[in-house]
Amino acid sequence: MVTYAEFAQTAQLAATIVMPLIEVIANDRLGRKVRVKCSPDDTVGDLKKLIAAQTGTDPSKIQLKKWQVITYRFRN
């Protein structure tokens, strides 16, 4: 059985670990752009469900394709 102190310590540790969100821009065939924020741990199915919630499209009908590569340049 877990004591309250152990539970509180675990909850405090979990609260300190925050995953940054990724912003994905999805275009549909009509030219609309949808910006969706998702976690790096989300699956493709989760991303499709988020896009479907904003566009009103069935998640099984959504096709994701890579169309642009974003490169980051770091200054020394």
PDB file of N, CA and C in Angstrom:
ATOM      1  N   MET A   1       0.846  -1.175   0.000  1.00  0.00           N
ATOM      2  CA  MET A   1       0.000   0.000   0.000  1.00  0.00           C
ATOM      3  C   MET A   1       0.892   1.239   0.000  1.00  0.00           C
ATOM      4  N   VAL A   2       0.519   2.234  -0.762  1.00  0.00           N
ATOM      5  CA  VAL A   2       1.291   3.467  -0.882  1.00  0.00           C
ATOM      6  C   VAL A   2       0.832   4.445   0.190  1.00  0.00           C
ATOM      7  N   THR A   3       1.800   5.019   0.875  1.00  0.00           N
ATOM      8  CA  THR A   3       1.453   6.006   1.896  1.00  0.00           C
ATOM      9  C   THR A   3       1.208   7.355   1.236  1.00  0.00           C
ATOM     10  N   TYR A   4       0.585   8.234   1.989  1.00  0.00           N
ATOM     11  CA  TYR A   4       0.289   9.566   1.457  1.00  0.00           C
ATOM     12  C   TYR A   4       1.574  10.320   1.143  1.00  0.00           C
ATOM     13  N   ALA A   5       2.605  10.158   1.971  1.00  0.00           N
ATOM     14  CA  ALA A   5       3.870  10.862   1.747  1.00  0.00           C
ATOM     15  C   ALA A   5       4.517  10.411   0.438  1.00  0.00           C
ATOM     16  N   GLU A   6       4.481   9.096   0.168  1.00  0.00           N
ATOM     17  CA  GLU A   6       5.051   8.592  -1.084  1.00  0.00           C
ATOM     18  C   GLU A   6       4.247   9.096  -2.285  1.00  0.00           C
ATOM     19  N   PHE A   7       2.925   9.111  -2.138  1.00  0.00           N
ATOM     20  CA  PHE A   7       2.074   9.606  -3.218  1.00  0.00           C
ATOM     21  C   PHE A   7       2.334  11.078  -3.485  1.00  0.00           C
ATOM     22  N   ALA A   8       2.453  11.874  -2.425  1.00  0.00           N
ATOM     23  CA  ALA A   8       2.694  13.310  -2.579  1.00  0.00           C
ATOM     24  C   ALA A   8       4.047  13.565  -3.230  1.00  0.00           C
ATOM     25  N   GLN A   9       5.048  12.778  -2.853  1.00  0.00           N
ATOM     26  CA  GLN A   9       6.380  12.944  -3.437  1.00  0.00           C
ATOM     27  C   GLN A   9       6.350  12.586  -4.927  1.00  0.00           C
ATOM     28  N   THR A  10       5.660  11.513  -5.284  1.00  0.00           N
ATOM     29  CA  THR A  10       5.555  11.115  -6.682  1.00  0.00           C
ATOM     30  C   THR A  10       4.792  12.158  -7.495  1.00  0.00           C
ATOM     31  N   ALA A  11       3.717  12.689  -6.936  1.00  0.00           N
ATOM     32  CA  ALA A  11       2.932  13.708  -7.636  1.00  0.00           C
ATOM     33  C   ALA A  11       3.738  14.980  -7.833  1.00  0.00           C
ATOM     34  N   GLN A  12       4.546  15.338  -6.839  1.00  0.00           N
ATOM     35  CA  GLN A  12       5.372  16.540  -6.957  1.00  0.00           C
ATOM     36  C   GLN A  12       6.438  16.342  -8.029  1.00  0.00           C
ATOM     37  N   LEU A  13       7.028  15.156  -8.094  1.00  0.00           N
ATOM     38  CA  LEU A  13       8.032  14.862  -9.112  1.00  0.00           C
ATOM     39  C   LEU A  13       7.402  14.879 -10.505  1.00  0.00           C
ATOM     40  N   ALA A  14       6.214  14.317 -10.635  1.00  0.00           N
ATOM     41  CA  ALA A  14       5.539  14.298 -11.934  1.00  0.00           C
ATOM     42  C   ALA A  14       5.165  15.704 -12.383  1.00  0.00           C
ATOM     43  N   ALA A  15       4.859  16.573 -11.443  1.00  0.00           N
ATOM     44  CA  ALA A  15       4.490  17.944 -11.800  1.00  0.00           C
ATOM     45  C   ALA A  15       5.690  18.744 -12.286  1.00  0.00           C
ATOM     46  N   THR A  16       6.896  18.377 -11.866  1.00  0.00           N
ATOM     47  CA  THR A  16       8.084  19.117 -12.286  1.00  0.00           C
ATOM     48  C   THR A  16       8.540  18.724 -13.688  1.00  0.00           C
ATOM     49  N   ILE A  17       8.164  17.524 -14.137  1.00  0.00           N
ATOM     50  CA  ILE A  17       8.548  17.066 -15.469  1.00  0.00           C
ATOM     51  C   ILE A  17       7.489  17.545 -16.454  1.00  0.00           C
ATOM     52  N   VAL A  18       7.849  18.502 -17.287  1.00  0.00           N
ATOM     53  CA  VAL A  18       6.911  19.068 -18.252  1.00  0.00           C
ATOM     54  C   VAL A  18       7.472  18.836 -19.650  1.00  0.00           C
ATOM     55  N   MET A  19       6.660  18.220 -20.496  1.00  0.00           N
ATOM     56  CA  MET A  19       7.083  17.971 -21.865  1.00  0.00           C
ATOM     57  C   MET A  19       6.756  19.197 -22.716  1.00  0.00           C
ATOM     58  N   PRO A  20       7.691  19.656 -23.525  1.00  0.00           N
ATOM     59  CA  PRO A  20       7.375  20.770 -24.427  1.00  0.00           C
ATOM     60  C   PRO A  20       6.417  20.290 -25.520  1.00  0.00           C
ATOM     61  N   LEU A  21       5.590  21.180 -25.984  1.00  0.00           N
ATOM     62  CA  LEU A  21       4.633  20.827 -27.031  1.00  0.00           C
ATOM     63  C   LEU A  21       5.220  21.130 -28.404  1.00  0.00           C
ATOM     64  N   ILE A  22       4.820  20.348 -29.369  1.00  0.00           N
ATOM     65  CA  ILE A  22       5.225  20.534 -30.754  1.00  0.00           C
ATOM     66  C   ILE A  22       4.034  21.112 -31.503  1.00  0.00           C
ATOM     67  N   GLU A  23       4.271  22.111 -32.343  1.00  0.00           N
ATOM     68  CA  GLU A  23       3.189  22.668 -33.152  1.00  0.00           C
ATOM     69  C   GLU A  23       3.300  22.109 -34.564  1.00  0.00           C
ATOM     70  N   VAL A  24       2.229  21.468 -35.005  1.00  0.00           N
ATOM     71  CA  VAL A  24       2.170  20.886 -36.340  1.00  0.00           C
ATOM     72  C   VAL A  24       1.177  21.700 -37.159  1.00  0.00           C
ATOM     73  N   ILE A  25       1.575  22.083 -38.362  1.00  0.00           N
ATOM     74  CA  ILE A  25       0.687  22.824 -39.258  1.00  0.00           C
ATOM     75  C   ILE A  25       0.206  21.855 -40.332  1.00  0.00           C
ATOM     76  N   ALA A  26      -1.111  21.688 -40.397  1.00  0.00           N
ATOM     77  CA  ALA A  26      -1.704  20.769 -41.370  1.00  0.00           C
ATOM     78  C   ALA A  26      -2.501  21.566 -42.394  1.00  0.00           C
ATOM     79  N   ASN A  27      -2.295  21.269 -43.661  1.00  0.00           N
ATOM     80  CA  ASN A  27      -3.052  21.893 -44.754  1.00  0.00           C
ATOM     81  C   ASN A  27      -4.035  20.871 -45.312  1.00  0.00           C
ATOM     82  N   ASP A  28      -5.237  21.329 -45.662  1.00  0.00           N
ATOM     83  CA  ASP A  28      -6.166  20.429 -46.328  1.00  0.00           C
ATOM     84  C   ASP A  28      -6.256  20.795 -47.809  1.00  0.00           C
ATOM     85  N   ARG A  29      -7.056  20.058 -48.534  1.00  0.00           N
ATOM     86  CA  ARG A  29      -7.139  20.270 -49.984  1.00  0.00           C
ATOM     87  C   ARG A  29      -7.790  21.589 -50.356  1.00  0.00           C
ATOM     88  N   LEU A  30      -8.546  22.168 -49.442  1.00  0.00           N
ATOM     89  CA  LEU A  30      -9.209  23.444 -49.720  1.00  0.00           C
ATOM     90  C   LEU A  30      -8.324  24.640 -49.411  1.00  0.00           C
ATOM     91  N   GLY A  31      -7.125  24.396 -48.905  1.00  0.00           N
ATOM     92  CA  GLY A  31      -6.194  25.475 -48.623  1.00  0.00           C
ATOM     93  C   GLY A  31      -6.244  26.005 -47.205  1.00  0.00           C
ATOM     94  N   ARG A  32      -7.047  25.385 -46.348  1.00  0.00           N
ATOM     95  CA  ARG A  32      -7.108  25.827 -44.951  1.00  0.00           C
ATOM     96  C   ARG A  32      -5.910  25.282 -44.186  1.00  0.00           C
ATOM     97  N   LYS A  33      -5.390  26.096 -43.279  1.00  0.00           N
ATOM     98  CA  LYS A  33      -4.285  25.674 -42.424  1.00  0.00           C
ATOM     99  C   LYS A  33      -4.808  25.496 -41.011  1.00  0.00           C
ATOM    100  N   VAL A  34      -4.409  24.409 -40.384  1.00  0.00           N
ATOM    101  CA  VAL A  34      -4.799  24.127 -39.011  1.00  0.00           C
ATOM    102  C   VAL A  34      -3.527  23.951 -38.205  1.00  0.00           C
ATOM    103  N   ARG A  35      -3.415  24.692 -37.109  1.00  0.00           N
ATOM    104  CA  ARG A  35      -2.269  24.545 -36.216  1.00  0.00           C
ATOM    105  C   ARG A  35      -2.696  23.702 -35.027  1.00  0.00           C
ATOM    106  N   VAL A  36      -1.967  22.611 -34.799  1.00  0.00           N
ATOM    107  CA  VAL A  36      -2.291  21.682 -33.723  1.00  0.00           C
ATOM    108  C   VAL A  36      -1.069  21.544 -32.834  1.00  0.00           C
ATOM    109  N   LYS A  37      -1.265  21.675 -31.539  1.00  0.00           N
ATOM    110  CA  LYS A  37      -0.174  21.453 -30.591  1.00  0.00           C
ATOM    111  C   LYS A  37      -0.328  20.064 -30.010  1.00  0.00           C
ATOM    112  N   CYS A  38       0.764  19.301 -30.038  1.00  0.00           N
ATOM    113  CA  CYS A  38       0.724  17.940 -29.522  1.00  0.00           C
ATOM    114  C   CYS A  38       2.014  17.654 -28.767  1.00  0.00           C
ATOM    115  N   SER A  39       1.979  16.605 -28.004  1.00  0.00           N
ATOM    116  CA  SER A  39       3.132  16.179 -27.222  1.00  0.00           C
ATOM    117  C   SER A  39       4.055  15.342 -28.106  1.00  0.00           C
ATOM    118  N   PRO A  40       5.356  15.349 -27.839  1.00  0.00           N
ATOM    119  CA  PRO A  40       6.262  14.497 -28.618  1.00  0.00           C
ATOM    120  C   PRO A  40       5.968  13.007 -28.444  1.00  0.00           C
ATOM    121  N   ASP A  41       5.276  12.639 -27.363  1.00  0.00           N
ATOM    122  CA  ASP A  41       4.940  11.237 -27.118  1.00  0.00           C
ATOM    123  C   ASP A  41       3.658  10.798 -27.813  1.00  0.00           C
ATOM    124  N   ASP A  42       2.920  11.726 -28.423  1.00  0.00           N
ATOM    125  CA  ASP A  42       1.669  11.376 -29.092  1.00  0.00           C
ATOM    126  C   ASP A  42       1.946  10.517 -30.320  1.00  0.00           C
ATOM    127  N   THR A  43       1.045   9.600 -30.576  1.00  0.00           N
ATOM    128  CA  THR A  43       1.168   8.752 -31.761  1.00  0.00           C
ATOM    129  C   THR A  43       0.565   9.474 -32.966  1.00  0.00           C
ATOM    130  N   VAL A  44       0.735   8.882 -34.141  1.00  0.00           N
ATOM    131  CA  VAL A  44       0.161   9.455 -35.356  1.00  0.00           C
ATOM    132  C   VAL A  44      -1.361   9.449 -35.251  1.00  0.00           C
ATOM    133  N   GLY A  45      -1.907   8.405 -34.654  1.00  0.00           N
ATOM    134  CA  GLY A  45      -3.354   8.335 -34.462  1.00  0.00           C
ATOM    135  C   GLY A  45      -3.866   9.447 -33.567  1.00  0.00           C
ATOM    136  N   ASP A  46      -3.102   9.767 -32.510  1.00  0.00           N
ATOM    137  CA  ASP A  46      -3.483  10.877 -31.631  1.00  0.00           C
ATOM    138  C   ASP A  46      -3.454  12.199 -32.387  1.00  0.00           C
ATOM    139  N   LEU A  47      -2.430  12.392 -33.223  1.00  0.00           N
ATOM    140  CA  LEU A  47      -2.324  13.621 -34.011  1.00  0.00           C
ATOM    141  C   LEU A  47      -3.489  13.735 -34.992  1.00  0.00           C
ATOM    142  N   LYS A  48      -3.860  12.619 -35.618  1.00  0.00           N
ATOM    143  CA  LYS A  48      -4.994  12.640 -36.538  1.00  0.00           C
ATOM    144  C   LYS A  48      -6.289  12.992 -35.812  1.00  0.00           C
ATOM    145  N   LYS A  49      -6.450  12.512 -34.584  1.00  0.00           N
ATOM    146  CA  LYS A  49      -7.654  12.834 -33.806  1.00  0.00           C
ATOM    147  C   LYS A  49      -7.690  14.316 -33.450  1.00  0.00           C
ATOM    148  N   LEU A  50      -6.530  14.899 -33.133  1.00  0.00           N
ATOM    149  CA  LEU A  50      -6.481  16.330 -32.829  1.00  0.00           C
ATOM    150  C   LEU A  50      -6.818  17.167 -34.064  1.00  0.00           C
ATOM    151  N   ILE A  51      -6.276  16.768 -35.214  1.00  0.00           N
ATOM    152  CA  ILE A  51      -6.576  17.483 -36.457  1.00  0.00           C
ATOM    153  C   ILE A  51      -8.054  17.325 -36.806  1.00  0.00           C
ATOM    154  N   ALA A  52      -8.592  16.127 -36.622  1.00  0.00           N
ATOM    155  CA  ALA A  52      -9.996  15.876 -36.935  1.00  0.00           C
ATOM    156  C   ALA A  52     -10.922  16.696 -36.053  1.00  0.00           C
ATOM    157  N   ALA A  53     -10.534  16.919 -34.808  1.00  0.00           N
ATOM    158  CA  ALA A  53     -11.365  17.709 -33.904  1.00  0.00           C
ATOM    159  C   ALA A  53     -11.464  19.158 -34.367  1.00  0.00           C
ATOM    160  N   GLN A  54     -10.422  19.673 -34.999  1.00  0.00           N
ATOM    161  CA  GLN A  54     -10.439  21.063 -35.448  1.00  0.00           C
ATOM    162  C   GLN A  54     -11.023  21.226 -36.851  1.00  0.00           C
ATOM    163  N   THR A  55     -10.889  20.214 -37.690  1.00  0.00           N
ATOM    164  CA  THR A  55     -11.356  20.354 -39.071  1.00  0.00           C
ATOM    165  C   THR A  55     -12.733  19.751 -39.300  1.00  0.00           C
ATOM    166  N   GLY A  56     -13.159  18.844 -38.451  1.00  0.00           N
ATOM    167  CA  GLY A  56     -14.437  18.173 -38.656  1.00  0.00           C
ATOM    168  C   GLY A  56     -14.349  17.023 -39.636  1.00  0.00           C
ATOM    169  N   THR A  57     -13.144  16.574 -39.928  1.00  0.00           N
ATOM    170  CA  THR A  57     -12.921  15.467 -40.850  1.00  0.00           C
ATOM    171  C   THR A  57     -12.781  14.170 -40.059  1.00  0.00           C
ATOM    172  N   ASP A  58     -13.178  13.063 -40.655  1.00  0.00           N
ATOM    173  CA  ASP A  58     -13.025  11.762 -40.017  1.00  0.00           C
ATOM    174  C   ASP A  58     -11.531  11.433 -39.907  1.00  0.00           C
ATOM    175  N   PRO A  59     -11.041  11.012 -38.713  1.00  0.00           N
ATOM    176  CA  PRO A  59      -9.600  10.735 -38.567  1.00  0.00           C
ATOM    177  C   PRO A  59      -9.080   9.659 -39.515  1.00  0.00           C
ATOM    178  N   SER A  60      -9.931   8.707 -39.902  1.00  0.00           N
ATOM    179  CA  SER A  60      -9.471   7.650 -40.810  1.00  0.00           C
ATOM    180  C   SER A  60      -9.276   8.161 -42.236  1.00  0.00           C
ATOM    181  N   LYS A  61      -9.830   9.325 -42.566  1.00  0.00           N
ATOM    182  CA  LYS A  61      -9.690   9.904 -43.906  1.00  0.00           C
ATOM    183  C   LYS A  61      -8.497  10.855 -44.025  1.00  0.00           C
ATOM    184  N   ILE A  62      -7.825  11.146 -42.914  1.00  0.00           N
ATOM    185  CA  ILE A  62      -6.714  12.105 -42.920  1.00  0.00           C
ATOM    186  C   ILE A  62      -5.434  11.394 -43.340  1.00  0.00           C
ATOM    187  N   GLN A  63      -4.723  11.972 -44.305  1.00  0.00           N
ATOM    188  CA  GLN A  63      -3.425  11.471 -44.735  1.00  0.00           C
ATOM    189  C   GLN A  63      -2.379  12.514 -44.377  1.00  0.00           C
ATOM    190  N   LEU A  64      -1.361  12.100 -43.654  1.00  0.00           N
ATOM    191  CA  LEU A  64      -0.283  13.012 -43.276  1.00  0.00           C
ATOM    192  C   LEU A  64       0.891  12.800 -44.216  1.00  0.00           C
ATOM    193  N   LYS A  65       1.404  13.906 -44.754  1.00  0.00           N
ATOM    194  CA  LYS A  65       2.549  13.848 -45.662  1.00  0.00           C
ATOM    195  C   LYS A  65       3.548  14.913 -45.259  1.00  0.00           C
ATOM    196  N   LYS A  66       4.805  14.591 -45.393  1.00  0.00           N
ATOM    197  CA  LYS A  66       5.869  15.548 -45.109  1.00  0.00           C
ATOM    198  C   LYS A  66       6.030  16.436 -46.332  1.00  0.00           C
ATOM    199  N   TRP A  67       5.944  17.746 -46.128  1.00  0.00           N
ATOM    200  CA  TRP A  67       6.036  18.644 -47.275  1.00  0.00           C
ATOM    201  C   TRP A  67       7.105  19.699 -47.109  1.00  0.00           C
ATOM    202  N   GLN A  68       7.653  19.862 -45.927  1.00  0.00           N
ATOM    203  CA  GLN A  68       8.674  20.887 -45.728  1.00  0.00           C
ATOM    204  C   GLN A  68       9.608  20.447 -44.612  1.00  0.00           C
ATOM    205  N   VAL A  69      10.875  20.727 -44.802  1.00  0.00           N
ATOM    206  CA  VAL A  69      11.860  20.434 -43.773  1.00  0.00           C
ATOM    207  C   VAL A  69      12.313  21.751 -43.173  1.00  0.00           C
ATOM    208  N   ILE A  70      12.237  21.856 -41.868  1.00  0.00           N
ATOM    209  CA  ILE A  70      12.670  23.068 -41.179  1.00  0.00           C
ATOM    210  C   ILE A  70      14.038  22.791 -40.576  1.00  0.00           C
ATOM    211  N   THR A  71      15.023  23.588 -40.963  1.00  0.00           N
ATOM    212  CA  THR A  71      16.361  23.422 -40.415  1.00  0.00           C
ATOM    213  C   THR A  71      16.645  24.553 -39.448  1.00  0.00           C
ATOM    214  N   TYR A  72      17.334  24.221 -38.406  1.00  0.00           N
ATOM    215  CA  TYR A  72      17.696  25.210 -37.400  1.00  0.00           C
ATOM    216  C   TYR A  72      19.194  25.470 -37.490  1.00  0.00           C
ATOM    217  N   ARG A  73      19.558  26.730 -37.453  1.00  0.00           N
ATOM    218  CA  ARG A  73      20.973  27.100 -37.466  1.00  0.00           C
ATOM    219  C   ARG A  73      21.325  27.666 -36.109  1.00  0.00           C
ATOM    220  N   PHE A  74      22.375  27.130 -35.538  1.00  0.00           N
ATOM    221  CA  PHE A  74      22.811  27.580 -34.227  1.00  0.00           C
ATOM    222  C   PHE A  74      24.026  28.478 -34.384  1.00  0.00           C
ATOM    223  N   ARG A  75      24.018  29.561 -33.648  1.00  0.00           N
ATOM    224  CA  ARG A  75      25.159  30.476 -33.685  1.00  0.00           C
ATOM    225  C   ARG A  75      26.174  30.059 -32.642  1.00  0.00           C
ATOM    226  N   ASN A  76      27.434  30.222 -32.987  1.00  0.00           N
ATOM    227  CA  ASN A  76      28.511  29.891 -32.040  1.00  0.00           C
ATOM    228  C   ASN A  76      28.904  31.082 -31.233  1.00  0.00           C
TER     229      ASN A  76
END
